[in-house]
């Protein structure tokens, strides 16, 4: 029962918006920095964004900076990724992962979600 569950992925037209959610089940999300990652067919996994455990700091990949916003509501045990001005190249499976630390550093993760599909197409 210790897992992350992503939701909110959908088919959307270019320029549209989606809000992804990453909810913790069986553990307290507060203790972990949470990253959003994506992987498109035939491409390497890319970190999209990350937020520290308290929400005090966040970072974004250059490819999404200015369009995506990460946030968290620890009372709801959930992290969000607001995606605006979506482009076809944003099409991917989006995963959330809990870093094994308070901050967005390192490559060790405690938990991974199952992924949610985002498709941007006309």
N, C-alpha and C. Protein backbone atom coordinates (compact mmCIF):
# COMPACT_ATOMS: atom_id res chain seq x y z
N UNK A 1 0.82 -1.21 0.00
CA UNK A 1 0.00 0.00 0.00
C UNK A 1 0.85 1.26 0.00
N UNK A 2 2.15 1.12 0.05
CA UNK A 2 3.05 2.27 0.00
C UNK A 2 3.32 2.60 -1.46
N UNK A 3 2.65 3.62 -1.96
CA UNK A 3 2.78 3.95 -3.36
C UNK A 3 2.36 5.38 -3.64
N UNK A 4 2.75 5.85 -4.82
CA UNK A 4 2.28 7.11 -5.36
C UNK A 4 1.34 6.81 -6.51
N UNK A 5 0.29 7.59 -6.61
CA UNK A 5 -0.71 7.39 -7.66
C UNK A 5 -0.89 8.69 -8.42
N UNK A 6 -0.57 8.67 -9.72
CA UNK A 6 -0.77 9.84 -10.57
C UNK A 6 -2.15 9.79 -11.20
N UNK A 7 -2.69 10.96 -11.47
CA UNK A 7 -3.95 11.07 -12.17
C UNK A 7 -4.00 12.39 -12.92
N UNK A 8 -4.94 12.52 -13.82
CA UNK A 8 -5.14 13.77 -14.54
C UNK A 8 -4.68 13.76 -15.98
N UNK A 9 -3.98 12.73 -16.40
CA UNK A 9 -3.54 12.67 -17.78
C UNK A 9 -4.73 12.52 -18.72
N UNK A 10 -4.58 13.08 -19.92
CA UNK A 10 -5.68 13.08 -20.87
C UNK A 10 -5.17 13.44 -22.25
N UNK A 11 -6.06 13.39 -23.21
CA UNK A 11 -5.81 13.90 -24.55
C UNK A 11 -6.23 15.36 -24.57
N UNK A 12 -5.34 16.24 -25.01
CA UNK A 12 -5.63 17.66 -25.03
C UNK A 12 -5.06 18.28 -26.30
N UNK A 13 -5.69 19.32 -26.78
CA UNK A 13 -5.21 20.02 -27.97
C UNK A 13 -4.03 20.91 -27.65
N UNK A 14 -3.16 21.17 -28.63
CA UNK A 14 -2.07 22.11 -28.40
C UNK A 14 -2.60 23.45 -27.87
N UNK A 15 -1.89 23.99 -26.90
CA UNK A 15 -2.32 25.22 -26.25
C UNK A 15 -3.22 25.01 -25.06
N UNK A 16 -3.66 23.79 -24.87
CA UNK A 16 -4.55 23.49 -23.76
C UNK A 16 -3.80 23.29 -22.45
N UNK A 17 -4.56 22.96 -21.42
CA UNK A 17 -4.01 22.80 -20.08
C UNK A 17 -4.48 21.51 -19.44
N UNK A 18 -3.65 20.98 -18.57
CA UNK A 18 -3.99 19.84 -17.74
C UNK A 18 -3.39 20.05 -16.36
N UNK A 19 -4.02 19.44 -15.38
CA UNK A 19 -3.50 19.47 -14.02
C UNK A 19 -3.32 18.03 -13.55
N UNK A 20 -2.08 17.64 -13.36
CA UNK A 20 -1.77 16.30 -12.88
C UNK A 20 -1.69 16.29 -11.36
N UNK A 21 -2.09 15.18 -10.78
CA UNK A 21 -2.01 15.01 -9.34
C UNK A 21 -1.17 13.80 -9.01
N UNK A 22 -0.45 13.89 -7.91
CA UNK A 22 0.36 12.79 -7.40
C UNK A 22 0.01 12.63 -5.94
N UNK A 23 -0.71 11.58 -5.62
CA UNK A 23 -1.18 11.36 -4.26
C UNK A 23 -0.46 10.19 -3.61
N UNK A 24 -0.09 10.38 -2.37
CA UNK A 24 0.59 9.32 -1.62
C UNK A 24 -0.43 8.43 -0.94
N UNK A 25 -0.15 7.15 -0.98
CA UNK A 25 -0.99 6.17 -0.32
C UNK A 25 -0.13 5.36 0.63
N UNK A 26 -0.48 5.38 1.90
CA UNK A 26 0.22 4.56 2.88
C UNK A 26 1.42 5.20 3.53
N UNK A 27 1.73 6.43 3.18
CA UNK A 27 2.84 7.13 3.83
C UNK A 27 2.60 8.63 3.77
N UNK A 28 3.38 9.37 4.52
CA UNK A 28 3.22 10.81 4.61
C UNK A 28 4.12 11.50 3.60
N UNK A 29 3.53 12.23 2.69
CA UNK A 29 4.26 12.87 1.61
C UNK A 29 5.16 14.01 2.09
N UNK A 30 4.83 14.57 3.22
CA UNK A 30 5.54 15.73 3.73
C UNK A 30 7.05 15.53 3.82
N UNK A 31 7.49 14.32 4.09
CA UNK A 31 8.90 14.08 4.35
C UNK A 31 9.77 13.97 3.10
N UNK A 32 9.18 14.11 1.94
CA UNK A 32 9.90 13.86 0.71
C UNK A 32 9.79 15.00 -0.29
N UNK A 33 10.90 15.30 -0.94
CA UNK A 33 10.83 16.08 -2.17
C UNK A 33 10.18 15.20 -3.24
N UNK A 34 9.37 15.81 -4.08
CA UNK A 34 8.65 15.08 -5.12
C UNK A 34 9.02 15.63 -6.49
N UNK A 35 9.39 14.74 -7.37
CA UNK A 35 9.71 15.13 -8.73
C UNK A 35 8.68 14.59 -9.71
N UNK A 36 8.47 15.35 -10.77
CA UNK A 36 7.69 14.89 -11.92
C UNK A 36 8.65 14.57 -13.05
N UNK A 37 8.48 13.42 -13.64
CA UNK A 37 9.30 12.95 -14.74
C UNK A 37 8.39 12.57 -15.90
N UNK A 38 8.95 12.54 -17.08
CA UNK A 38 8.19 12.09 -18.23
C UNK A 38 9.07 11.27 -19.16
N UNK A 39 8.44 10.37 -19.88
CA UNK A 39 9.15 9.57 -20.84
C UNK A 39 8.28 9.34 -22.07
N UNK A 40 8.78 9.77 -23.20
CA UNK A 40 8.10 9.56 -24.46
C UNK A 40 8.67 8.33 -25.14
N UNK A 41 7.90 7.70 -26.03
CA UNK A 41 8.40 6.51 -26.72
C UNK A 41 9.72 6.77 -27.43
N UNK A 42 10.69 5.91 -27.19
CA UNK A 42 11.98 6.02 -27.84
C UNK A 42 12.90 7.09 -27.27
N UNK A 43 12.49 7.73 -26.20
CA UNK A 43 13.30 8.80 -25.62
C UNK A 43 13.62 8.49 -24.16
N UNK A 44 14.66 9.13 -23.68
CA UNK A 44 15.08 8.94 -22.30
C UNK A 44 14.17 9.67 -21.34
N UNK A 45 14.14 9.19 -20.12
CA UNK A 45 13.36 9.84 -19.09
C UNK A 45 13.91 11.23 -18.81
N UNK A 46 13.02 12.17 -18.62
CA UNK A 46 13.38 13.55 -18.38
C UNK A 46 12.71 14.05 -17.10
N UNK A 47 13.47 14.72 -16.27
CA UNK A 47 12.85 15.35 -15.11
C UNK A 47 12.22 16.66 -15.54
N UNK A 48 10.94 16.78 -15.26
CA UNK A 48 10.18 17.95 -15.64
C UNK A 48 10.23 19.02 -14.57
N UNK A 49 10.05 18.61 -13.33
CA UNK A 49 9.98 19.55 -12.23
C UNK A 49 10.19 18.82 -10.92
N UNK A 50 10.49 19.58 -9.89
CA UNK A 50 10.66 19.00 -8.56
C UNK A 50 10.35 20.06 -7.52
N UNK A 51 9.85 19.62 -6.38
CA UNK A 51 9.50 20.52 -5.30
C UNK A 51 10.00 19.92 -3.98
N UNK A 52 10.54 20.77 -3.13
CA UNK A 52 11.03 20.32 -1.84
C UNK A 52 9.88 19.90 -0.93
N UNK A 53 10.21 19.26 0.16
CA UNK A 53 9.17 18.68 1.01
C UNK A 53 8.17 19.71 1.53
N UNK A 54 8.67 20.91 1.85
CA UNK A 54 7.80 21.95 2.38
C UNK A 54 7.17 22.81 1.29
N UNK A 55 7.62 22.64 0.07
CA UNK A 55 7.18 23.49 -1.01
C UNK A 55 7.95 24.80 -1.11
N UNK A 56 9.01 24.94 -0.33
CA UNK A 56 9.76 26.17 -0.29
C UNK A 56 10.64 26.43 -1.50
N UNK A 57 10.96 25.41 -2.23
CA UNK A 57 11.76 25.57 -3.43
C UNK A 57 11.26 24.63 -4.51
N UNK A 58 11.46 25.05 -5.74
CA UNK A 58 11.03 24.25 -6.88
C UNK A 58 11.93 24.53 -8.06
N UNK A 59 12.01 23.59 -8.97
CA UNK A 59 12.78 23.80 -10.18
C UNK A 59 12.08 23.15 -11.36
N UNK A 60 12.50 23.58 -12.56
CA UNK A 60 11.84 23.14 -13.78
C UNK A 60 12.87 22.90 -14.87
N UNK A 61 12.58 21.94 -15.72
CA UNK A 61 13.38 21.76 -16.91
C UNK A 61 13.18 22.96 -17.83
N UNK A 62 14.22 23.29 -18.58
CA UNK A 62 14.12 24.43 -19.50
C UNK A 62 12.98 24.26 -20.49
N UNK A 63 12.69 23.04 -20.85
CA UNK A 63 11.66 22.78 -21.85
C UNK A 63 10.25 23.13 -21.38
N UNK A 64 10.05 23.22 -20.06
CA UNK A 64 8.72 23.51 -19.54
C UNK A 64 8.66 24.79 -18.72
N UNK A 65 9.79 25.42 -18.50
CA UNK A 65 9.84 26.62 -17.67
C UNK A 65 8.93 27.70 -18.25
N UNK A 66 8.13 28.28 -17.38
CA UNK A 66 7.19 29.30 -17.78
C UNK A 66 5.84 28.77 -18.19
N UNK A 67 5.75 27.46 -18.39
CA UNK A 67 4.49 26.86 -18.80
C UNK A 67 3.91 25.93 -17.73
N UNK A 68 4.79 25.26 -16.99
CA UNK A 68 4.36 24.32 -15.96
C UNK A 68 4.61 24.90 -14.58
N UNK A 69 3.76 24.55 -13.63
CA UNK A 69 3.91 24.98 -12.25
C UNK A 69 3.69 23.80 -11.32
N UNK A 70 4.64 23.55 -10.45
CA UNK A 70 4.51 22.49 -9.48
C UNK A 70 4.09 23.08 -8.14
N UNK A 71 3.27 22.37 -7.42
CA UNK A 71 2.83 22.80 -6.11
C UNK A 71 2.50 21.57 -5.26
N UNK A 72 2.34 21.79 -3.98
CA UNK A 72 1.97 20.68 -3.13
C UNK A 72 1.05 21.14 -2.01
N UNK A 73 0.20 20.23 -1.59
CA UNK A 73 -0.68 20.45 -0.46
C UNK A 73 -0.45 19.27 0.48
N UNK A 74 0.43 19.48 1.43
CA UNK A 74 0.80 18.39 2.32
C UNK A 74 -0.37 17.92 3.18
N UNK A 75 -1.31 18.82 3.46
CA UNK A 75 -2.49 18.42 4.22
C UNK A 75 -3.33 17.41 3.45
N UNK A 76 -3.27 17.48 2.12
CA UNK A 76 -3.99 16.54 1.27
C UNK A 76 -3.09 15.41 0.78
N UNK A 77 -1.83 15.45 1.19
CA UNK A 77 -0.88 14.41 0.80
C UNK A 77 -0.75 14.29 -0.72
N UNK A 78 -0.73 15.45 -1.37
CA UNK A 78 -0.78 15.49 -2.83
C UNK A 78 0.15 16.56 -3.40
N UNK A 79 0.79 16.24 -4.51
CA UNK A 79 1.58 17.18 -5.29
C UNK A 79 0.91 17.34 -6.65
N UNK A 80 0.94 18.56 -7.17
CA UNK A 80 0.28 18.85 -8.43
C UNK A 80 1.28 19.35 -9.47
N UNK A 81 0.94 19.16 -10.72
CA UNK A 81 1.68 19.76 -11.81
C UNK A 81 0.66 20.40 -12.75
N UNK A 82 0.62 21.72 -12.72
CA UNK A 82 -0.24 22.46 -13.63
C UNK A 82 0.50 22.67 -14.93
N UNK A 83 -0.05 22.21 -16.02
CA UNK A 83 0.59 22.28 -17.32
C UNK A 83 -0.25 23.16 -18.23
N UNK A 84 0.32 24.28 -18.65
CA UNK A 84 -0.36 25.21 -19.54
C UNK A 84 0.39 25.30 -20.86
N UNK A 85 -0.29 25.84 -21.85
CA UNK A 85 0.30 26.02 -23.18
C UNK A 85 0.97 24.75 -23.68
N UNK A 86 0.26 23.67 -23.59
CA UNK A 86 0.82 22.37 -23.93
C UNK A 86 1.16 22.27 -25.41
N UNK A 87 2.25 21.58 -25.67
CA UNK A 87 2.76 21.38 -27.02
C UNK A 87 2.78 19.88 -27.34
N UNK A 88 2.75 19.53 -28.62
CA UNK A 88 2.83 18.11 -28.97
C UNK A 88 4.05 17.41 -28.37
N UNK A 89 5.17 18.11 -28.25
CA UNK A 89 6.36 17.51 -27.67
C UNK A 89 6.25 17.24 -26.18
N UNK A 90 5.18 17.70 -25.55
CA UNK A 90 4.92 17.36 -24.15
C UNK A 90 4.29 15.99 -24.00
N UNK A 91 3.91 15.38 -25.11
CA UNK A 91 3.30 14.06 -25.07
C UNK A 91 4.25 13.04 -24.47
N UNK A 92 3.80 12.37 -23.44
CA UNK A 92 4.63 11.40 -22.73
C UNK A 92 3.81 10.77 -21.62
N UNK A 93 4.38 9.73 -21.03
CA UNK A 93 3.86 9.22 -19.78
C UNK A 93 4.53 10.00 -18.66
N UNK A 94 3.74 10.55 -17.78
CA UNK A 94 4.24 11.36 -16.68
C UNK A 94 4.21 10.56 -15.39
N UNK A 95 5.33 10.55 -14.70
CA UNK A 95 5.50 9.84 -13.45
C UNK A 95 5.84 10.82 -12.34
N UNK A 96 5.41 10.52 -11.14
CA UNK A 96 5.93 11.23 -9.99
C UNK A 96 6.76 10.27 -9.16
N UNK A 97 7.73 10.82 -8.46
CA UNK A 97 8.62 10.01 -7.64
C UNK A 97 9.00 10.78 -6.38
N UNK A 98 9.15 10.06 -5.30
CA UNK A 98 9.58 10.63 -4.04
C UNK A 98 11.08 10.44 -3.88
N UNK A 99 11.80 11.54 -3.78
CA UNK A 99 13.22 11.46 -3.47
C UNK A 99 13.41 10.94 -2.06
N UNK A 100 14.52 10.30 -1.85
CA UNK A 100 14.83 9.78 -0.52
C UNK A 100 15.53 10.86 0.31
N UNK A 101 14.94 12.05 0.29
CA UNK A 101 15.50 13.20 0.97
C UNK A 101 14.48 14.33 0.94
N UNK A 102 14.74 15.38 1.69
CA UNK A 102 13.84 16.52 1.73
C UNK A 102 13.92 17.40 0.49
N UNK A 103 15.07 17.36 -0.18
CA UNK A 103 15.33 18.26 -1.29
C UNK A 103 15.52 17.51 -2.61
N UNK A 104 15.46 18.26 -3.69
CA UNK A 104 15.50 17.68 -5.03
C UNK A 104 16.94 17.49 -5.49
N UNK A 105 17.57 16.50 -4.92
CA UNK A 105 18.95 16.21 -5.28
C UNK A 105 19.17 14.71 -5.25
N UNK A 106 20.15 14.28 -6.03
CA UNK A 106 20.48 12.87 -6.08
C UNK A 106 19.63 12.11 -7.09
N UNK A 107 19.88 10.83 -7.17
CA UNK A 107 19.17 9.96 -8.11
C UNK A 107 18.57 8.75 -7.41
N UNK A 108 18.41 8.83 -6.12
CA UNK A 108 17.81 7.76 -5.35
C UNK A 108 16.37 8.13 -4.99
N UNK A 109 15.47 7.22 -5.26
CA UNK A 109 14.05 7.48 -5.06
C UNK A 109 13.44 6.42 -4.16
N UNK A 110 12.55 6.86 -3.31
CA UNK A 110 11.88 5.97 -2.39
C UNK A 110 10.67 5.28 -3.03
N UNK A 111 9.91 6.06 -3.78
CA UNK A 111 8.69 5.55 -4.40
C UNK A 111 8.53 6.11 -5.80
N UNK A 112 7.87 5.33 -6.65
CA UNK A 112 7.48 5.76 -7.99
C UNK A 112 6.00 5.50 -8.19
N UNK A 113 5.37 6.37 -8.95
CA UNK A 113 4.00 6.13 -9.35
C UNK A 113 3.94 5.28 -10.60
N UNK A 114 2.74 4.92 -11.01
CA UNK A 114 2.54 4.05 -12.16
C UNK A 114 2.54 4.81 -13.49
N UNK A 115 2.39 6.11 -13.43
CA UNK A 115 2.38 6.94 -14.62
C UNK A 115 0.99 7.26 -15.11
N UNK A 116 0.87 8.41 -15.76
CA UNK A 116 -0.38 8.81 -16.39
C UNK A 116 -0.06 9.40 -17.76
N UNK A 117 -0.83 9.01 -18.75
CA UNK A 117 -0.55 9.38 -20.13
C UNK A 117 -1.07 10.78 -20.44
N UNK A 118 -0.19 11.61 -20.98
CA UNK A 118 -0.56 12.92 -21.49
C UNK A 118 -0.31 12.93 -22.99
N UNK A 119 -1.33 13.20 -23.75
CA UNK A 119 -1.22 13.26 -25.20
C UNK A 119 -1.69 14.62 -25.69
N UNK A 120 -0.82 15.33 -26.38
CA UNK A 120 -1.13 16.65 -26.91
C UNK A 120 -1.18 16.54 -28.42
N UNK A 121 -2.36 16.66 -28.96
CA UNK A 121 -2.55 16.45 -30.39
C UNK A 121 -3.81 17.16 -30.87
N UNK A 122 -3.79 17.55 -32.13
CA UNK A 122 -4.98 18.13 -32.75
C UNK A 122 -5.92 17.06 -33.28
